[in-house]
C-alpha atoms as a PDB file:
ATOM      1  CA  MET A   1     103.946 106.413 -17.861  1.00  0.00           C
ATOM      2  CA  ASN A   2     101.397 104.679 -20.108  1.00  0.00           C
ATOM      3  CA  ARG A   3     101.969 103.382 -23.628  1.00  0.00           C
ATOM      4  CA  ARG A   4     100.774 106.557 -25.341  1.00  0.00           C
ATOM      5  CA  GLN A   5     103.013 108.725 -23.172  1.00  0.00           C
ATOM      6  CA  HIS A   6     105.920 106.404 -23.884  1.00  0.00           C
ATOM      7  CA  LEU A   7     105.475 106.811 -27.618  1.00  0.00           C
ATOM      8  CA  LEU A   8     105.117 110.565 -27.456  1.00  0.00           C
ATOM      9  CA  ALA A   9     108.307 110.837 -25.429  1.00  0.00           C
ATOM     10  CA  LEU A  10     109.928 108.386 -27.800  1.00  0.00           C
ATOM     11  CA  GLY A  11     109.076 110.551 -30.783  1.00  0.00           C
ATOM     12  CA  ALA A  12     110.731 113.478 -29.073  1.00  0.00           C
ATOM     13  CA  GLY A  13     113.773 111.506 -28.026  1.00  0.00           C
ATOM     14  CA  LEU A  14     114.584 109.403 -31.038  1.00  0.00           C
ATOM     15  CA  SER A  15     113.950 112.109 -33.565  1.00  0.00           C
ATOM     16  CA  GLY A  16     115.143 114.696 -31.093  1.00  0.00           C
ATOM     17  CA  LEU A  17     112.086 116.887 -31.455  1.00  0.00           C
ATOM     18  CA  ALA A  18     110.061 117.942 -28.454  1.00  0.00           C
ATOM     19  CA  ALA A  19     107.886 121.047 -28.597  1.00  0.00           C
ATOM     20  CA  ALA A  20     109.929 122.447 -31.467  1.00  0.00           C
ATOM     21  CA  PRO A  21     108.120 124.974 -33.669  1.00  0.00           C
ATOM     22  CA  GLY A  22     106.581 123.346 -36.704  1.00  0.00           C
ATOM     23  CA  ALA A  23     106.591 119.853 -35.299  1.00  0.00           C
ATOM     24  CA  ILE A  24     104.521 119.750 -32.138  1.00  0.00           C
ATOM     25  CA  ALA A  25     102.523 116.606 -31.355  1.00  0.00           C
ATOM     26  CA  ARG A  26      98.974 117.245 -32.477  1.00  0.00           C
ATOM     27  CA  SER A  27      97.087 115.602 -29.610  1.00  0.00           C
ATOM     28  CA  PRO A  28      97.708 113.788 -26.307  1.00  0.00           C
ATOM     29  CA  SER A  29      96.325 110.598 -27.882  1.00  0.00           C
ATOM     30  CA  PHE A  30      99.294 110.384 -30.269  1.00  0.00           C
ATOM     31  CA  ARG A  31     100.509 106.855 -30.944  1.00  0.00           C
ATOM     32  CA  VAL A  32     102.961 105.416 -33.427  1.00  0.00           C
ATOM     33  CA  GLU A  33     100.692 103.020 -35.286  1.00  0.00           C
ATOM     34  CA  PRO A  34      96.951 103.523 -34.624  1.00  0.00           C
ATOM     35  CA  GLY A  35      95.330 106.671 -35.981  1.00  0.00           C
ATOM     36  CA  LEU A  36      97.656 107.273 -38.927  1.00  0.00           C
ATOM     37  CA  GLU A  37      96.687 110.711 -40.212  1.00  0.00           C
ATOM     38  CA  TRP A  38      96.992 110.270 -43.955  1.00  0.00           C
ATOM     39  CA  VAL A  39      95.030 113.445 -44.702  1.00  0.00           C
ATOM     40  CA  THR A  40      95.974 116.359 -42.472  1.00  0.00           C
ATOM     41  CA  ALA A  41      94.352 119.722 -41.942  1.00  0.00           C
ATOM     42  CA  ALA A  42      95.158 122.362 -44.528  1.00  0.00           C
ATOM     43  CA  ALA A  43      97.740 125.034 -43.746  1.00  0.00           C
ATOM     44  CA  GLU A  44      97.847 128.518 -45.193  1.00  0.00           C
ATOM     45  CA  GLY A  45     100.798 130.583 -46.276  1.00  0.00           C
ATOM     46  CA  PRO A  46     102.133 132.720 -49.126  1.00  0.00           C
ATOM     47  CA  GLY A  47     102.104 130.612 -52.277  1.00  0.00           C
ATOM     48  CA  VAL A  48     101.110 127.491 -50.306  1.00  0.00           C
ATOM     49  CA  SER A  49      98.229 125.207 -51.297  1.00  0.00           C
ATOM     50  CA  PHE A  50      96.843 121.952 -49.905  1.00  0.00           C
ATOM     51  CA  HIS A  51      96.366 118.816 -52.025  1.00  0.00           C
ATOM     52  CA  THR A  52      95.749 115.083 -51.857  1.00  0.00           C
ATOM     53  CA  PHE A  53      96.635 112.312 -54.272  1.00  0.00           C
ATOM     54  CA  GLY A  54      95.567 108.706 -54.546  1.00  0.00           C
ATOM     55  CA  SER A  55      98.237 106.411 -53.134  1.00  0.00           C
ATOM     56  CA  GLU A  56      98.222 102.828 -54.347  1.00  0.00           C
ATOM     57  CA  ALA A  57     100.625 101.814 -51.588  1.00  0.00           C
ATOM     58  CA  ARG A  58      98.392 103.286 -48.897  1.00  0.00           C
ATOM     59  CA  GLY A  59      95.137 102.341 -50.628  1.00  0.00           C
ATOM     60  CA  GLY A  60      93.612 105.793 -50.353  1.00  0.00           C
ATOM     61  CA  PRO A  61      94.327 109.533 -50.371  1.00  0.00           C
ATOM     62  CA  VAL A  62      97.446 111.078 -48.860  1.00  0.00           C
ATOM     63  CA  SER A  63      97.802 114.816 -48.340  1.00  0.00           C
ATOM     64  CA  PHE A  64     100.658 117.214 -49.005  1.00  0.00           C
ATOM     65  CA  HIS A  65     101.199 120.953 -49.335  1.00  0.00           C
ATOM     66  CA  ILE A  66     103.117 122.710 -52.073  1.00  0.00           C
ATOM     67  CA  TYR A  67     104.676 126.154 -52.258  1.00  0.00           C
ATOM     68  CA  VAL A  68     104.777 127.766 -55.719  1.00  0.00           C
ATOM     69  CA  PRO A  69     106.915 130.904 -56.210  1.00  0.00           C
ATOM     70  CA  PRO A  70     105.613 134.040 -57.957  1.00  0.00           C
ATOM     71  CA  ASP A  71     107.790 133.256 -60.986  1.00  0.00           C
ATOM     72  CA  TYR A  72     105.732 130.127 -61.685  1.00  0.00           C
ATOM     73  CA  ALA A  73     102.696 132.056 -62.927  1.00  0.00           C
ATOM     74  CA  ALA A  74     104.766 134.884 -64.390  1.00  0.00           C
ATOM     75  CA  ASP A  75     106.729 132.553 -66.685  1.00  0.00           C
ATOM     76  CA  PRO A  76     104.384 129.777 -67.893  1.00  0.00           C
ATOM     77  CA  ASP A  77     107.009 128.124 -70.101  1.00  0.00           C
ATOM     78  CA  ARG A  78     109.586 127.727 -67.350  1.00  0.00           C
ATOM     79  CA  ARG A  79     110.309 124.591 -65.355  1.00  0.00           C
ATOM     80  CA  PHE A  80     111.432 124.758 -61.743  1.00  0.00           C
ATOM     81  CA  PRO A  81     113.560 122.712 -59.332  1.00  0.00           C
ATOM     82  CA  VAL A  82     111.832 121.090 -56.367  1.00  0.00           C
ATOM     83  CA  VAL A  83     112.686 121.048 -52.672  1.00  0.00           C
ATOM     84  CA  TYR A  84     111.150 118.201 -50.696  1.00  0.00           C
ATOM     85  CA  TRP A  85     110.749 119.329 -47.085  1.00  0.00           C
ATOM     86  CA  LEU A  86     110.581 116.477 -44.556  1.00  0.00           C
ATOM     87  CA  HIS A  87     109.218 117.497 -41.152  1.00  0.00           C
ATOM     88  CA  GLY A  88     110.068 116.161 -37.726  1.00  0.00           C
ATOM     89  CA  SER A  89     108.076 113.963 -35.366  1.00  0.00           C
ATOM     90  CA  GLY A  90     104.663 115.124 -34.253  1.00  0.00           C
ATOM     91  CA  GLY A  91     103.593 116.225 -37.731  1.00  0.00           C
ATOM     92  CA  GLY A  92     104.583 119.255 -39.758  1.00  0.00           C
ATOM     93  CA  VAL A  93     101.387 121.184 -40.540  1.00  0.00           C
ATOM     94  CA  SER A  94     101.862 123.788 -37.810  1.00  0.00           C
ATOM     95  CA  GLY A  95     105.217 124.852 -39.253  1.00  0.00           C
ATOM     96  CA  ILE A  96     104.200 125.234 -42.899  1.00  0.00           C
ATOM     97  CA  ARG A  97     103.046 128.860 -42.683  1.00  0.00           C
ATOM     98  CA  GLN A  98     106.345 130.078 -41.219  1.00  0.00           C
ATOM     99  CA  LEU A  99     108.517 127.880 -43.413  1.00  0.00           C
ATOM    100  CA  GLY A 100     106.570 128.867 -46.513  1.00  0.00           C
ATOM    101  CA  ALA A 101     107.079 132.526 -45.616  1.00  0.00           C
ATOM    102  CA  GLU A 102     110.830 131.925 -45.186  1.00  0.00           C
ATOM    103  CA  PHE A 103     111.072 130.310 -48.631  1.00  0.00           C
ATOM    104  CA  ASP A 104     108.902 132.962 -50.253  1.00  0.00           C
ATOM    105  CA  GLN A 105     110.849 135.902 -48.813  1.00  0.00           C
ATOM    106  CA  ALA A 106     114.208 134.403 -49.782  1.00  0.00           C
ATOM    107  CA  ILE A 107     113.047 133.937 -53.373  1.00  0.00           C
ATOM    108  CA  ARG A 108     111.527 137.431 -53.552  1.00  0.00           C
ATOM    109  CA  ASP A 109     114.773 138.888 -52.177  1.00  0.00           C
ATOM    110  CA  ARG A 110     116.756 136.837 -54.736  1.00  0.00           C
ATOM    111  CA  LYS A 111     118.703 135.106 -52.005  1.00  0.00           C
ATOM    112  CA  ALA A 112     117.770 131.866 -53.758  1.00  0.00           C
ATOM    113  CA  PRO A 113     116.542 131.000 -57.247  1.00  0.00           C
ATOM    114  CA  PRO A 114     112.813 130.239 -57.565  1.00  0.00           C
ATOM    115  CA  PHE A 115     111.835 126.666 -56.725  1.00  0.00           C
ATOM    116  CA  LEU A 116     108.823 124.642 -55.662  1.00  0.00           C
ATOM    117  CA  VAL A 117     108.611 123.237 -52.138  1.00  0.00           C
ATOM    118  CA  VAL A 118     106.695 120.033 -51.422  1.00  0.00           C
ATOM    119  CA  PHE A 119     105.778 119.748 -47.744  1.00  0.00           C
ATOM    120  CA  VAL A 120     105.267 116.007 -47.388  1.00  0.00           C
ATOM    121  CA  ASN A 121     102.958 114.306 -44.926  1.00  0.00           C
ATOM    122  CA  GLY A 122     105.368 112.114 -42.985  1.00  0.00           C
ATOM    123  CA  LEU A 123     102.822 111.244 -40.263  1.00  0.00           C
ATOM    124  CA  SER A 124     103.494 111.941 -36.609  1.00  0.00           C
ATOM    125  CA  MET A 125     106.042 109.134 -36.371  1.00  0.00           C
ATOM    126  CA  GLY A 126     106.271 107.772 -39.917  1.00  0.00           C
ATOM    127  CA  MET A 127     110.087 107.648 -39.731  1.00  0.00           C
ATOM    128  CA  TYR A 128     110.248 107.919 -43.547  1.00  0.00           C
ATOM    129  CA  VAL A 129     110.630 104.158 -43.932  1.00  0.00           C
ATOM    130  CA  ASP A 130     108.359 101.409 -45.231  1.00  0.00           C
ATOM    131  CA  TRP A 131     107.216  99.886 -41.952  1.00  0.00           C
ATOM    132  CA  SER A 132     108.021  96.220 -41.589  1.00  0.00           C
ATOM    133  CA  ASN A 133     104.344  95.460 -40.794  1.00  0.00           C
ATOM    134  CA  GLY A 134     103.222  97.119 -44.035  1.00  0.00           C
ATOM    135  CA  LYS A 135     100.891  99.621 -42.356  1.00  0.00           C
ATOM    136  CA  ALA A 136     102.815 102.762 -43.286  1.00  0.00           C
ATOM    137  CA  PRO A 137     104.790 102.459 -46.556  1.00  0.00           C
ATOM    138  CA  MET A 138     106.236 105.948 -46.168  1.00  0.00           C
ATOM    139  CA  GLU A 139     109.259 105.578 -48.435  1.00  0.00           C
ATOM    140  CA  THR A 140     107.202 104.141 -51.279  1.00  0.00           C
ATOM    141  CA  ILE A 141     104.566 106.848 -50.950  1.00  0.00           C
ATOM    142  CA  ILE A 142     106.989 109.778 -50.911  1.00  0.00           C
ATOM    143  CA  VAL A 143     109.904 108.698 -53.094  1.00  0.00           C
ATOM    144  CA  HIS A 144     107.979 106.860 -55.771  1.00  0.00           C
ATOM    145  CA  GLU A 145     104.324 107.901 -55.774  1.00  0.00           C
ATOM    146  CA  LEU A 146     104.383 111.518 -54.607  1.00  0.00           C
ATOM    147  CA  ARG A 147     107.520 112.409 -56.559  1.00  0.00           C
ATOM    148  CA  SER A 148     105.961 111.052 -59.751  1.00  0.00           C
ATOM    149  CA  TYR A 149     102.690 112.872 -59.015  1.00  0.00           C
ATOM    150  CA  ILE A 150     104.496 116.198 -58.542  1.00  0.00           C
ATOM    151  CA  ASP A 151     106.455 115.806 -61.779  1.00  0.00           C
ATOM    152  CA  ALA A 152     103.254 114.945 -63.676  1.00  0.00           C
ATOM    153  CA  ASN A 153     101.184 117.841 -62.358  1.00  0.00           C
ATOM    154  CA  TRP A 154     103.600 120.748 -61.953  1.00  0.00           C
ATOM    155  CA  ARG A 155     106.265 122.173 -64.253  1.00  0.00           C
ATOM    156  CA  THR A 156     109.279 120.641 -62.571  1.00  0.00           C
ATOM    157  CA  LEU A 157     112.842 120.023 -63.603  1.00  0.00           C
ATOM    158  CA  ALA A 158     112.393 116.285 -63.215  1.00  0.00           C
ATOM    159  CA  THR A 159     116.054 115.329 -62.880  1.00  0.00           C
ATOM    160  CA  ARG A 160     118.287 114.490 -59.925  1.00  0.00           C
ATOM    161  CA  GLU A 161     119.923 117.909 -60.325  1.00  0.00           C
ATOM    162  CA  GLY A 162     116.510 119.515 -60.014  1.00  0.00           C
ATOM    163  CA  ARG A 163     115.647 117.887 -56.675  1.00  0.00           C
ATOM    164  CA  LEU A 164     116.816 118.834 -53.188  1.00  0.00           C
ATOM    165  CA  LEU A 165     115.913 117.023 -49.979  1.00  0.00           C
ATOM    166  CA  ASP A 166     115.819 119.043 -46.779  1.00  0.00           C
ATOM    167  CA  GLY A 167     114.536 118.130 -43.352  1.00  0.00           C
ATOM    168  CA  PHE A 168     114.837 118.587 -39.630  1.00  0.00           C
ATOM    169  CA  SER A 169     115.080 115.951 -36.879  1.00  0.00           C
ATOM    170  CA  MET A 170     113.104 112.897 -38.052  1.00  0.00           C
ATOM    171  CA  GLY A 171     113.010 114.718 -41.392  1.00  0.00           C
ATOM    172  CA  GLY A 172     116.793 115.022 -41.445  1.00  0.00           C
ATOM    173  CA  TYR A 173     116.983 111.270 -40.931  1.00  0.00           C
ATOM    174  CA  GLY A 174     114.494 110.828 -43.767  1.00  0.00           C
ATOM    175  CA  ALA A 175     116.477 113.127 -46.053  1.00  0.00           C
ATOM    176  CA  ALA A 176     119.607 111.096 -45.363  1.00  0.00           C
ATOM    177  CA  ARG A 177     117.795 107.826 -46.020  1.00  0.00           C
ATOM    178  CA  PHE A 178     116.232 108.961 -49.306  1.00  0.00           C
ATOM    179  CA  GLY A 179     119.248 110.888 -50.556  1.00  0.00           C
ATOM    180  CA  PHE A 180     121.771 108.175 -49.809  1.00  0.00           C
ATOM    181  CA  ARG A 181     119.594 105.354 -51.106  1.00  0.00           C
ATOM    182  CA  TYR A 182     118.498 107.122 -54.292  1.00  0.00           C
ATOM    183  CA  PRO A 183     121.377 109.326 -55.485  1.00  0.00           C
ATOM    184  CA  GLU A 184     120.029 108.878 -59.022  1.00  0.00           C
ATOM    185  CA  LEU A 185     116.875 110.766 -57.968  1.00  0.00           C
ATOM    186  CA  PHE A 186     118.195 113.391 -55.530  1.00  0.00           C
ATOM    187  CA  ARG A 187     121.465 115.242 -55.984  1.00  0.00           C
ATOM    188  CA  SER A 188     121.369 117.610 -53.005  1.00  0.00           C
ATOM    189  CA  VAL A 189     120.661 116.540 -49.432  1.00  0.00           C
ATOM    190  CA  SER A 190     120.407 118.740 -46.330  1.00  0.00           C
ATOM    191  CA  MET A 191     120.207 117.035 -42.925  1.00  0.00           C
ATOM    192  CA  MET A 192     119.490 119.396 -40.027  1.00  0.00           C
ATOM    193  CA  GLY A 193     119.294 118.230 -36.415  1.00  0.00           C
ATOM    194  CA  ALA A 194     118.913 114.745 -37.857  1.00  0.00           C
ATOM    195  CA  GLY A 195     117.913 111.673 -35.896  1.00  0.00           C
ATOM    196  CA  PRO A 196     118.067 108.799 -35.278  1.00  0.00           C
ATOM    197  CA  MET A 197     121.529 108.690 -36.875  1.00  0.00           C
ATOM    198  CA  GLN A 198     123.111 106.223 -34.434  1.00  0.00           C
ATOM    199  CA  GLU A 199     124.162 102.713 -35.351  1.00  0.00           C
ATOM    200  CA  PHE A 200     121.814 100.955 -32.915  1.00  0.00           C
ATOM    201  CA  LEU A 201     118.322 101.948 -31.804  1.00  0.00           C
ATOM    202  CA  THR A 202     118.729 101.148 -28.113  1.00  0.00           C
ATOM    203  CA  THR A 203     118.603 104.418 -26.201  1.00  0.00           C
ATOM    204  CA  ALA A 204     118.473 107.995 -27.373  1.00  0.00           C
ATOM    205  CA  PRO A 205     118.205 111.508 -25.934  1.00  0.00           C
ATOM    206  CA  ARG A 206     114.880 111.974 -24.083  1.00  0.00           C
ATOM    207  CA  ALA A 207     113.975 108.298 -24.577  1.00  0.00           C
ATOM    208  CA  SER A 208     114.497 105.283 -22.336  1.00  0.00           C
ATOM    209  CA  LYS A 209     115.601 101.870 -23.456  1.00  0.00           C
ATOM    210  CA  ALA A 210     112.017 100.606 -23.099  1.00  0.00           C
ATOM    211  CA  GLN A 211     110.703 103.410 -25.292  1.00  0.00           C
ATOM    212  CA  ALA A 212     113.340 102.764 -27.936  1.00  0.00           C
ATOM    213  CA  GLU A 213     112.383  99.108 -27.955  1.00  0.00           C
ATOM    214  CA  GLU A 214     108.763 100.065 -28.486  1.00  0.00           C
ATOM    215  CA  LEU A 215     109.466 102.090 -31.614  1.00  0.00           C
ATOM    216  CA  LEU A 216     111.846  99.398 -32.812  1.00  0.00           C
ATOM    217  CA  ARG A 217     108.999  96.906 -32.544  1.00  0.00           C
ATOM    218  CA  GLU A 218     106.341  99.143 -34.139  1.00  0.00           C
ATOM    219  CA  VAL A 219     108.318 100.358 -37.142  1.00  0.00           C
ATOM    220  CA  TYR A 220     111.386  98.182 -37.674  1.00  0.00           C
ATOM    221  CA  GLY A 221     110.082  94.718 -36.886  1.00  0.00           C
ATOM    222  CA  GLY A 222     111.562  94.509 -33.399  1.00  0.00           C
ATOM    223  CA  SER A 223     115.176  93.903 -34.331  1.00  0.00           C
ATOM    224  CA  GLN A 224     118.343  95.955 -34.577  1.00  0.00           C
ATOM    225  CA  ALA A 225     118.951  94.221 -37.901  1.00  0.00           C
ATOM    226  CA  GLY A 226     115.661  95.687 -39.139  1.00  0.00           C
ATOM    227  CA  PHE A 227     116.720  99.182 -38.046  1.00  0.00           C
ATOM    228  CA  GLN A 228     120.148  98.823 -39.633  1.00  0.00           C
ATOM    229  CA  ALA A 229     118.733  97.405 -42.874  1.00  0.00           C
ATOM    230  CA  VAL A 230     117.118 100.770 -43.668  1.00  0.00           C
ATOM    231  CA  SER A 231     119.713 102.996 -42.018  1.00  0.00           C
ATOM    232  CA  PRO A 232     121.394 105.976 -43.728  1.00  0.00           C
ATOM    233  CA  ARG A 233     124.663 104.328 -42.694  1.00  0.00           C
ATOM    234  CA  ARG A 234     123.917 101.318 -44.867  1.00  0.00           C
ATOM    235  CA  TYR A 235     123.036 103.369 -47.928  1.00  0.00           C
ATOM    236  CA  ALA A 236     126.001 105.698 -47.469  1.00  0.00           C
ATOM    237  CA  ARG A 237     128.286 102.673 -47.407  1.00  0.00           C
ATOM    238  CA  GLU A 238     126.660 100.987 -50.401  1.00  0.00           C
ATOM    239  CA  ASN A 239     126.559 104.147 -52.548  1.00  0.00           C
ATOM    240  CA  ALA A 240     129.726 105.831 -51.284  1.00  0.00           C
ATOM    241  CA  ALA A 241     131.331 106.150 -54.725  1.00  0.00           C
ATOM    242  CA  ARG A 242     128.211 107.652 -56.309  1.00  0.00           C
ATOM    243  CA  LEU A 243     127.672 110.044 -53.401  1.00  0.00           C
ATOM    244  CA  ALA A 244     131.303 111.108 -53.357  1.00  0.00           C
ATOM    245  CA  GLY A 245     131.357 111.743 -57.079  1.00  0.00           C
ATOM    246  CA  GLY A 246     128.164 113.650 -57.672  1.00  0.00           C
ATOM    247  CA  SER A 247     126.108 114.604 -54.620  1.00  0.00           C
ATOM    248  CA  ARG A 248     125.965 117.842 -52.633  1.00  0.00           C
ATOM    249  CA  LEU A 249     125.509 117.090 -48.940  1.00  0.00           C
ATOM    250  CA  ARG A 250     125.385 118.992 -45.677  1.00  0.00           C
ATOM    251  CA  LEU A 251     124.984 117.997 -42.048  1.00  0.00           C
ATOM    252  CA  VAL A 252     123.884 120.831 -39.727  1.00  0.00           C
ATOM    253  CA  ILE A 253     123.630 120.612 -35.941  1.00  0.00           C
ATOM    254  CA  GLY A 254     123.524 122.967 -32.974  1.00  0.00           C
ATOM    255  CA  ASP A 255     126.127 122.358 -30.313  1.00  0.00           C
ATOM    256  CA  ARG A 256     123.371 122.429 -27.653  1.00  0.00           C
ATOM    257  CA  ASP A 257     121.252 119.892 -29.522  1.00  0.00           C
ATOM    258  CA  GLU A 258     120.964 116.659 -27.547  1.00  0.00           C
ATOM    259  CA  THR A 259     121.467 114.749 -30.799  1.00  0.00           C
ATOM    260  CA  PHE A 260     124.839 116.441 -31.342  1.00  0.00           C
ATOM    261  CA  GLY A 261     126.895 113.375 -30.411  1.00  0.00           C
ATOM    262  CA  ASN A 262     125.016 111.086 -32.805  1.00  0.00           C
ATOM    263  CA  ASN A 263     125.382 113.621 -35.621  1.00  0.00           C
ATOM    264  CA  GLN A 264     129.072 114.080 -34.920  1.00  0.00           C
ATOM    265  CA  ASP A 265     129.545 110.299 -35.062  1.00  0.00           C
ATOM    266  CA  PHE A 266     127.681 110.204 -38.390  1.00  0.00           C
ATOM    267  CA  HIS A 267     129.892 113.009 -39.716  1.00  0.00           C
ATOM    268  CA  THR A 268     132.948 110.946 -38.785  1.00  0.00           C
ATOM    269  CA  TYR A 269     131.363 107.906 -40.439  1.00  0.00           C
ATOM    270  CA  LEU A 270     130.908 109.807 -43.713  1.00  0.00           C
ATOM    271  CA  GLU A 271     134.492 111.052 -43.530  1.00  0.00           C
ATOM    272  CA  GLY A 272     135.656 107.458 -43.144  1.00  0.00           C
ATOM    273  CA  LEU A 273     133.756 106.524 -46.299  1.00  0.00           C
ATOM    274  CA  GLY A 274     135.359 109.392 -48.214  1.00  0.00           C
ATOM    275  CA  ILE A 275     132.024 111.155 -48.818  1.00  0.00           C
ATOM    276  CA  PRO A 276     132.491 114.946 -48.990  1.00  0.00           C
ATOM    277  CA  HIS A 277     129.921 116.989 -47.099  1.00  0.00           C
ATOM    278  CA  ASP A 278     129.522 120.271 -45.309  1.00  0.00           C
ATOM    279  CA  TRP A 279     129.720 119.811 -41.536  1.00  0.00           C
ATOM    280  CA  ILE A 280     128.171 122.848 -39.872  1.00  0.00           C
ATOM    281  CA  VAL A 281     128.071 123.221 -36.085  1.00  0.00           C
ATOM    282  CA  LEU A 282     125.998 126.144 -34.807  1.00  0.00           C
ATOM    283  CA  PRO A 283     127.200 127.519 -31.446  1.00  0.00           C
ATOM    284  CA  GLY A 284     124.537 128.045 -28.808  1.00  0.00           C
ATOM    285  CA  VAL A 285     121.756 126.442 -30.862  1.00  0.00           C
ATOM    286  CA  GLY A 286     119.508 123.680 -29.560  1.00  0.00           C
ATOM    287  CA  HIS A 287     117.017 121.370 -31.218  1.00  0.00           C
ATOM    288  CA  ASP A 288     114.755 123.929 -32.881  1.00  0.00           C
ATOM    289  CA  PRO A 289     114.338 124.266 -36.660  1.00  0.00           C
ATOM    290  CA  PHE A 290     113.840 128.026 -36.675  1.00  0.00           C
ATOM    291  CA  GLN A 291     116.812 128.612 -34.381  1.00  0.00           C
ATOM    292  CA  VAL A 292     118.829 126.582 -36.857  1.00  0.00           C
ATOM    293  CA  LEU A 293     117.613 128.598 -39.858  1.00  0.00           C
ATOM    294  CA  THR A 294     118.255 131.877 -38.073  1.00  0.00           C
ATOM    295  CA  ALA A 295     121.771 130.833 -37.074  1.00  0.00           C
ATOM    296  CA  LEU A 296     122.550 129.628 -40.588  1.00  0.00           C
ATOM    297  CA  GLY A 297     121.477 132.923 -42.116  1.00  0.00           C
ATOM    298  CA  ASP A 298     122.611 133.253 -45.705  1.00  0.00           C
ATOM    299  CA  ARG A 299     124.563 129.987 -45.464  1.00  0.00           C
ATOM    300  CA  HIS A 300     121.209 128.245 -45.728  1.00  0.00           C
ATOM    301  CA  TRP A 301     120.379 129.916 -49.028  1.00  0.00           C
ATOM    302  CA  ALA A 302     123.943 129.568 -50.280  1.00  0.00           C
ATOM    303  CA  PHE A 303     123.425 125.799 -50.169  1.00  0.00           C
ATOM    304  CA  TYR A 304     120.287 126.178 -52.288  1.00  0.00           C
ATOM    305  CA  ARG A 305     122.027 128.559 -54.705  1.00  0.00           C
ATOM    306  CA  ALA A 306     124.873 126.126 -55.192  1.00  0.00           C
ATOM    307  CA  ALA A 307     122.498 123.175 -55.562  1.00  0.00           C
ATOM    308  CA  PHE A 308     120.556 124.818 -58.393  1.00  0.00           C
ATOM    309  CA  ALA A 309     123.297 127.023 -59.898  1.00  0.00           C
ATOM    310  CA  THR A 310     123.744 125.091 -63.119  1.00  0.00           C
ATOM    311  CA  LEU A 311     120.066 124.575 -63.911  1.00  0.00           C
ATOM    312  CA  GLY A 312     118.333 126.249 -66.803  1.00  0.00           C
ATOM    313  CA  GLY A 313     114.853 127.669 -66.401  1.00  0.00           C
END
């Protein structure tokens, strides 16, 4: 197996996402660091539009998609909560049409209140961290620059109560990182099929020790200390009181998902810190975002309803 194949397998293993709908690797030349796709292709979908903004951290444009509900145009004086959707490894463009349709139908059916959805560009293996080598400042771009850009250009409820983080696989890991590190910015955090949630980045499902070491070197500076320094475990521990007192959290995993054990350990870790959260195990479900959403059914939208229940329009 050559270096490119190693990294592709690593993306599947560490983030737990291989050939899952909405997060398929875009080409056989995929690599962690070279060829960072800051501006993706545009995706279509109901209420979905493609945009770029100028990122100071990146030194150039970065793309994103946004879903706007029908209520946005119908009520021009109203402000709306925002869901930040964080995709898994391999890139998220191919899943935007179906996800956008899911959001749109739920809002039209009044299963959830109207909200905006920002589909971030997390790169194929951006890991939602500021890389130690400085080449991919993903956290800075999304949490600080993109969030501010969205609030400045759309009618958002620009408060922690008006923001919800949701993501699958690598995106679930990113949601945990951002939500636990910045509870003052994000009140509600959904982590589905999340990974890598383990304490040490040594081995992982679908990835060998050598492959894990390669990602550790590319993104985290080559040390377990570097991985742990930006881990959701660290931020959960440091902000346990704030998270326990004012955040709405859920951890969702299929019992046939190869990342189940790591998620179960993380659930136990949160319990030990006294951080309340919904722990949802889906029988018969593997590592597939749309299987997860189907199995959740209305429980998925109930989380959104509860997250935004007290907000005014």
